[in-house]
């Protein structure tokens, strides 16, 4: 997403559609591609250098926040030109197709490794080398010749050998009129074609307060949303839940919790629908509120903590 200035942004839209195809050459291409991709991942994995990240604590406001609580291994994938050249030379030895397919393999391998690295650092992946289990081949744009008049894509397999993929007379043709074709993904029985388009949209910034949401949009002006009905609803159900707790009536308490949750969701959904109707082609930006200091029992009274809890946060 790119900022165009004057409180507007250009949003890139992507739609992907598949075209069925039957060609014996595709199965051989995918087999070769997957083998080369796994070789590239193996070589990158064997040359990873492991460093360490030590515990890190930073001060935020009046308190301390732990950024990294433990000493962890940090993988650093090799990306220098010398390594990339040796990787390309190794893959070119067994490559029967156009050389750009090797470049596509290398780029896909680095993309997979970078995705694994991010997940590993977040604790969502183990220290295990990625394995390719699905058959596919990602085609670089340099291997494609797109003819928008005939609505077809010519893919270079080998020098002088091509594969033609038409999308004329398909069910989605009218949906992607004047859209740009991206890098396709080849499967054994179909071709997945991504279409891209850009759309300029307006941006509305919102300030979240206890009793109101205040926003500004250049073509509309200042926008004020009254949140007092939501606050009243929260106060009423806080009292009902407190009475149910005091009497020890658990079923009644859970009933009030569910009813409050449903009514709050209904209020938010109706508010969102009204904002969409007011400015249908817009992005709504809310402040990122951190209530860590606001709800501390040591510095804030109980009444204020309740008000802060009732106040909606931007997300």
Protein backbone atom coordinates (compact mmCIF):
# COMPACT_ATOMS: atom_id res chain seq x y z
CA UNK A 1 0.00 0.00 0.00
CA UNK A 2 1.49 3.35 -1.03
CA UNK A 3 0.69 6.79 0.36
CA UNK A 4 -0.38 9.11 -2.45
CA UNK A 5 -0.67 12.21 -0.27
CA UNK A 6 -3.72 14.29 0.63
CA UNK A 7 -4.99 11.58 3.07
CA UNK A 8 -5.37 8.94 0.36
CA UNK A 9 -3.71 5.62 -0.32
CA UNK A 10 -3.46 3.25 -3.25
CA UNK A 11 -4.75 -0.17 -2.31
CA UNK A 12 -3.60 -3.13 -4.41
CA UNK A 13 -6.34 -5.68 -5.04
CA UNK A 14 -5.47 -9.28 -5.95
CA UNK A 15 -7.81 -11.97 -7.26
CA UNK A 16 -6.63 -15.47 -8.19
CA UNK A 17 -8.50 -17.82 -10.51
CA UNK A 18 -7.58 -21.27 -11.81
CA UNK A 19 -7.73 -22.52 -15.38
CA UNK A 20 -7.89 -26.33 -15.86
CA UNK A 21 -5.27 -27.79 -18.16
CA UNK A 22 -4.03 -31.19 -19.33
CA UNK A 23 -0.50 -31.47 -20.63
CA UNK A 24 2.09 -34.17 -19.96
CA UNK A 25 4.86 -31.58 -20.01
CA UNK A 26 3.46 -29.90 -16.89
CA UNK A 27 3.93 -32.97 -14.70
CA UNK A 28 7.57 -33.30 -15.77
CA UNK A 29 8.17 -29.58 -15.21
CA UNK A 30 6.72 -29.67 -11.69
CA UNK A 31 8.73 -32.79 -10.79
CA UNK A 32 11.96 -31.10 -11.87
CA UNK A 33 10.98 -27.84 -10.15
CA UNK A 34 10.18 -29.48 -6.80
CA UNK A 35 13.44 -31.47 -6.80
CA UNK A 36 15.47 -28.35 -7.57
CA UNK A 37 13.57 -26.38 -4.91
CA UNK A 38 14.34 -28.95 -2.23
CA UNK A 39 18.01 -28.98 -3.28
CA UNK A 40 18.12 -25.19 -2.95
CA UNK A 41 16.53 -25.32 0.50
CA UNK A 42 18.98 -28.04 1.57
CA UNK A 43 21.96 -25.95 0.48
CA UNK A 44 20.66 -22.78 2.14
CA UNK A 45 19.95 -24.72 5.34
CA UNK A 46 23.43 -26.23 5.43
CA UNK A 47 24.97 -22.76 5.19
CA UNK A 48 22.86 -21.04 7.85
CA UNK A 49 24.88 -19.30 10.56
CA UNK A 50 23.40 -19.32 14.04
CA UNK A 51 23.77 -16.40 16.41
CA UNK A 52 22.28 -15.54 19.78
CA UNK A 53 19.73 -13.00 20.94
CA UNK A 54 19.96 -12.13 24.63
CA UNK A 55 17.16 -11.01 26.97
CA UNK A 56 16.04 -7.45 26.27
CA UNK A 57 13.99 -5.18 28.53
CA UNK A 58 12.91 -1.66 27.59
CA UNK A 59 11.18 1.08 29.53
CA UNK A 60 7.71 2.07 28.35
CA UNK A 61 5.97 4.80 30.27
CA UNK A 62 6.34 4.10 33.96
CA UNK A 63 7.05 0.40 33.64
CA UNK A 64 9.37 -2.11 32.04
CA UNK A 65 8.44 -4.29 29.07
CA UNK A 66 10.16 -7.57 28.20
CA UNK A 67 10.92 -7.70 24.48
CA UNK A 68 12.96 -10.90 24.59
CA UNK A 69 12.73 -12.96 27.74
CA UNK A 70 15.17 -15.74 26.88
CA UNK A 71 18.44 -16.29 25.09
CA UNK A 72 17.45 -17.74 21.73
CA UNK A 73 19.17 -18.99 18.59
CA UNK A 74 18.93 -16.56 15.65
CA UNK A 75 19.26 -18.12 12.16
CA UNK A 76 21.00 -15.98 9.53
CA UNK A 77 20.47 -17.24 5.98
CA UNK A 78 23.33 -16.74 3.50
CA UNK A 79 22.49 -14.11 0.92
CA UNK A 80 25.76 -12.82 -0.48
CA UNK A 81 26.40 -12.84 -4.22
CA UNK A 82 29.11 -15.51 -3.98
CA UNK A 83 26.76 -17.99 -2.32
CA UNK A 84 23.90 -17.19 -4.69
CA UNK A 85 26.17 -17.77 -7.70
CA UNK A 86 27.36 -21.12 -6.35
CA UNK A 87 23.74 -22.10 -5.65
CA UNK A 88 22.69 -21.14 -9.17
CA UNK A 89 25.63 -23.00 -10.74
CA UNK A 90 24.76 -26.13 -8.76
CA UNK A 91 21.12 -26.04 -9.88
CA UNK A 92 21.99 -25.31 -13.51
CA UNK A 93 23.88 -28.61 -13.81
CA UNK A 94 20.67 -30.68 -13.68
CA UNK A 95 18.33 -28.14 -15.24
CA UNK A 96 16.78 -29.21 -18.60
CA UNK A 97 14.61 -26.10 -18.87
CA UNK A 98 15.18 -22.40 -19.47
CA UNK A 99 17.64 -20.77 -17.07
CA UNK A 100 14.98 -18.44 -15.68
CA UNK A 101 13.33 -21.46 -14.07
CA UNK A 102 16.43 -21.80 -11.88
CA UNK A 103 16.09 -18.15 -10.86
CA UNK A 104 12.44 -18.84 -9.98
CA UNK A 105 13.50 -21.81 -7.85
CA UNK A 106 16.08 -19.73 -5.96
CA UNK A 107 13.65 -16.93 -5.23
CA UNK A 108 10.99 -19.38 -4.02
CA UNK A 109 13.54 -21.16 -1.81
CA UNK A 110 14.58 -17.90 -0.15
CA UNK A 111 10.93 -16.97 0.33
CA UNK A 112 10.22 -20.29 2.07
CA UNK A 113 13.29 -19.97 4.28
CA UNK A 114 12.44 -16.39 5.25
CA UNK A 115 8.91 -17.45 6.13
CA UNK A 116 10.28 -20.30 8.25
CA UNK A 117 12.72 -17.90 9.96
CA UNK A 118 9.94 -15.47 10.94
CA UNK A 119 7.79 -18.28 12.31
CA UNK A 120 10.77 -19.77 14.16
CA UNK A 121 11.59 -16.47 15.87
CA UNK A 122 7.95 -16.17 16.97
CA UNK A 123 8.00 -19.69 18.40
CA UNK A 124 5.63 -21.09 15.77
CA UNK A 125 8.13 -23.35 13.98
CA UNK A 126 10.73 -25.83 15.16
CA UNK A 127 14.40 -25.97 14.28
CA UNK A 128 13.72 -28.38 11.42
CA UNK A 129 14.56 -27.94 7.76
CA UNK A 130 11.48 -27.19 5.61
CA UNK A 131 10.32 -29.99 3.33
CA UNK A 132 8.43 -29.53 0.07
CA UNK A 133 5.34 -31.75 0.21
CA UNK A 134 3.09 -30.10 -2.38
CA UNK A 135 3.67 -30.22 -6.09
CA UNK A 136 3.75 -26.80 -7.72
CA UNK A 137 5.91 -24.52 -9.83
CA UNK A 138 5.98 -20.74 -9.49
CA UNK A 139 6.63 -19.03 -12.81
CA UNK A 140 8.63 -15.81 -13.00
CA UNK A 141 7.22 -12.92 -14.98
CA UNK A 142 10.29 -13.10 -17.26
CA UNK A 143 9.09 -16.53 -18.42
CA UNK A 144 5.67 -15.19 -19.37
CA UNK A 145 4.44 -13.29 -22.41
CA UNK A 146 0.97 -11.86 -21.79
CA UNK A 147 -1.35 -10.99 -24.67
CA UNK A 148 -4.26 -8.96 -23.29
CA UNK A 149 -6.02 -8.80 -26.66
CA UNK A 150 -6.27 -12.57 -27.08
CA UNK A 151 -6.36 -13.04 -23.27
CA UNK A 152 -3.65 -15.66 -23.16
CA UNK A 153 -0.31 -16.31 -21.46
CA UNK A 154 2.63 -17.90 -23.23
CA UNK A 155 5.02 -19.65 -20.83
CA UNK A 156 8.56 -20.50 -21.91
CA UNK A 157 9.53 -24.06 -20.96
CA UNK A 158 12.69 -24.36 -23.00
CA UNK A 159 14.16 -22.07 -25.65
CA UNK A 160 11.70 -22.44 -28.54
CA UNK A 161 9.21 -24.55 -26.54
CA UNK A 162 6.15 -22.85 -25.08
CA UNK A 163 2.94 -23.53 -23.20
CA UNK A 164 -0.15 -21.41 -23.92
CA UNK A 165 -2.74 -20.64 -21.23
CA UNK A 166 -5.90 -18.79 -22.43
CA UNK A 167 -8.47 -17.23 -20.11
CA UNK A 168 -10.86 -15.99 -22.79
CA UNK A 169 -14.48 -17.16 -22.37
CA UNK A 170 -13.84 -18.23 -18.77
CA UNK A 171 -16.46 -17.54 -16.09
CA UNK A 172 -14.24 -14.93 -14.40
CA UNK A 173 -13.23 -13.01 -17.55
CA UNK A 174 -15.55 -10.05 -16.84
CA UNK A 175 -14.30 -9.82 -13.23
CA UNK A 176 -10.69 -9.11 -14.23
CA UNK A 177 -11.24 -6.79 -17.17
CA UNK A 178 -8.29 -4.36 -17.50
CA UNK A 179 -6.48 -6.05 -14.59
CA UNK A 180 -2.75 -6.90 -14.66
CA UNK A 181 -1.59 -10.52 -14.66
CA UNK A 182 0.88 -11.53 -11.95
CA UNK A 183 3.20 -14.50 -11.53
CA UNK A 184 1.26 -17.70 -12.10
CA UNK A 185 1.44 -20.94 -10.10
CA UNK A 186 1.42 -24.19 -12.05
CA UNK A 187 -0.30 -27.28 -10.61
CA UNK A 188 -0.61 -30.74 -12.14
CA UNK A 189 -4.17 -30.18 -13.34
CA UNK A 190 -4.61 -26.39 -13.33
CA UNK A 191 -2.92 -23.02 -13.64
CA UNK A 192 -3.55 -20.44 -10.90
CA UNK A 193 -3.50 -16.93 -12.39
CA UNK A 194 -3.36 -13.91 -10.04
CA UNK A 195 -4.84 -10.66 -11.37
CA UNK A 196 -3.89 -7.33 -9.81
CA UNK A 197 -5.50 -3.93 -9.80
CA UNK A 198 -5.05 -0.72 -7.80
CA UNK A 199 -7.73 1.47 -6.27
CA UNK A 200 -7.35 4.84 -4.58
CA UNK A 201 -9.08 5.04 -1.22
CA UNK A 202 -9.50 7.68 1.46
CA UNK A 203 -8.14 7.44 5.01
CA UNK A 204 -10.09 8.41 8.13
CA UNK A 205 -8.22 8.81 11.42
CA UNK A 206 -10.13 8.16 14.66
CA UNK A 207 -9.52 9.29 18.24
CA UNK A 208 -10.99 6.91 20.84
CA UNK A 209 -12.37 8.65 23.94
CA UNK A 210 -14.47 7.51 26.87
CA UNK A 211 -17.79 8.77 25.51
CA UNK A 212 -17.12 9.33 21.81
CA UNK A 213 -15.19 8.46 18.68
CA UNK A 214 -13.91 11.52 16.85
CA UNK A 215 -12.67 11.26 13.28
CA UNK A 216 -11.74 13.46 10.36
CA UNK A 217 -12.08 12.93 6.62
CA UNK A 218 -11.12 15.80 4.26
CA UNK A 219 -14.17 15.52 1.98
CA UNK A 220 -16.63 15.14 4.89
CA UNK A 221 -15.03 17.06 7.75
CA UNK A 222 -15.08 16.15 11.42
CA UNK A 223 -17.13 13.11 12.43
CA UNK A 224 -18.46 12.62 15.97
CA UNK A 225 -19.81 9.25 17.14
CA UNK A 226 -21.64 9.21 20.47
CA UNK A 227 -20.66 6.21 22.63
CA UNK A 228 -22.88 7.06 25.61
CA UNK A 229 -25.44 4.32 24.73
CA UNK A 230 -22.61 1.77 24.80
CA UNK A 231 -21.34 3.09 28.14
CA UNK A 232 -24.85 2.98 29.62
CA UNK A 233 -25.26 -0.59 28.42
CA UNK A 234 -21.97 -1.63 30.04
CA UNK A 235 -22.86 0.06 33.35
CA UNK A 236 -26.30 -1.60 33.50
CA UNK A 237 -24.87 -5.06 32.92
CA UNK A 238 -22.02 -4.50 35.39
CA UNK A 239 -24.64 -3.90 38.08
CA UNK A 240 -26.68 -6.94 37.03
CA UNK A 241 -23.61 -9.18 37.04
CA UNK A 242 -22.55 -7.84 40.44
CA UNK A 243 -25.98 -8.63 41.91
CA UNK A 244 -25.93 -12.13 40.42
CA UNK A 245 -22.44 -12.74 41.83
CA UNK A 246 -23.43 -11.48 45.26
CA UNK A 247 -26.40 -13.87 45.35
CA UNK A 248 -24.25 -16.76 44.08
CA UNK A 249 -26.44 -17.35 41.02
CA UNK A 250 -23.93 -18.59 38.47
CA UNK A 251 -26.41 -19.38 35.69
CA UNK A 252 -27.92 -15.90 35.93
CA UNK A 253 -24.43 -14.36 35.87
CA UNK A 254 -23.47 -16.30 32.73
CA UNK A 255 -26.76 -15.27 31.14
CA UNK A 256 -25.95 -11.58 31.73
CA UNK A 257 -22.40 -12.07 30.39
CA UNK A 258 -23.70 -13.60 27.14
CA UNK A 259 -26.43 -10.98 26.77
CA UNK A 260 -23.95 -8.13 27.31
CA UNK A 261 -21.52 -9.61 24.79
CA UNK A 262 -24.24 -10.00 22.16
CA UNK A 263 -25.57 -6.48 22.62
CA UNK A 264 -22.09 -4.96 22.47
CA UNK A 265 -21.38 -6.88 19.26
CA UNK A 266 -24.70 -5.71 17.82
CA UNK A 267 -23.84 -2.09 18.65
CA UNK A 268 -20.38 -2.38 17.07
CA UNK A 269 -21.72 -4.11 13.94
CA UNK A 270 -24.37 -1.45 13.40
CA UNK A 271 -21.81 1.30 13.97
CA UNK A 272 -19.42 -0.32 11.46
CA UNK A 273 -22.21 -0.58 8.87
CA UNK A 274 -23.06 3.10 9.28
CA UNK A 275 -19.43 4.12 8.90
CA UNK A 276 -19.16 2.05 5.72
CA UNK A 277 -22.26 3.71 4.30
CA UNK A 278 -20.94 7.14 5.25
CA UNK A 279 -17.59 6.56 3.53
CA UNK A 280 -17.71 3.28 1.57
CA UNK A 281 -14.29 3.48 -0.06
CA UNK A 282 -12.14 4.28 2.97
CA UNK A 283 -9.66 2.85 5.44
CA UNK A 284 -10.39 3.56 9.12
CA UNK A 285 -7.28 4.05 11.28
CA UNK A 286 -7.62 3.91 15.07
CA UNK A 287 -5.04 4.82 17.68
CA UNK A 288 -3.25 1.89 19.30
CA UNK A 289 -4.15 2.27 22.96
CA UNK A 290 -1.96 0.57 25.57
CA UNK A 291 -3.93 0.42 28.81
CA UNK A 292 -1.18 -1.24 30.82
CA UNK A 293 -0.60 1.81 32.99
CA UNK A 294 -4.28 2.81 33.01
CA UNK A 295 -5.52 -0.37 34.69
CA UNK A 296 -2.74 -0.80 37.26
CA UNK A 297 -4.17 -1.43 40.73
CA UNK A 298 -1.34 0.50 42.35
CA UNK A 299 -1.93 3.88 40.72
CA UNK A 300 -5.57 4.02 39.60
CA UNK A 301 -8.79 3.91 41.56
CA UNK A 302 -11.26 1.10 40.96
CA UNK A 303 -13.90 3.43 39.47
CA UNK A 304 -11.45 4.71 36.87
CA UNK A 305 -10.31 1.19 36.00
CA UNK A 306 -13.93 0.31 35.26
CA UNK A 307 -14.33 3.35 33.01
CA UNK A 308 -11.15 2.45 31.16
CA UNK A 309 -12.40 -1.10 30.68
CA UNK A 310 -15.65 0.18 29.18
CA UNK A 311 -13.86 2.51 26.78
CA UNK A 312 -13.29 0.82 23.37
CA UNK A 313 -9.70 0.55 22.13
CA UNK A 314 -8.69 1.05 18.52
CA UNK A 315 -7.41 -2.06 16.83
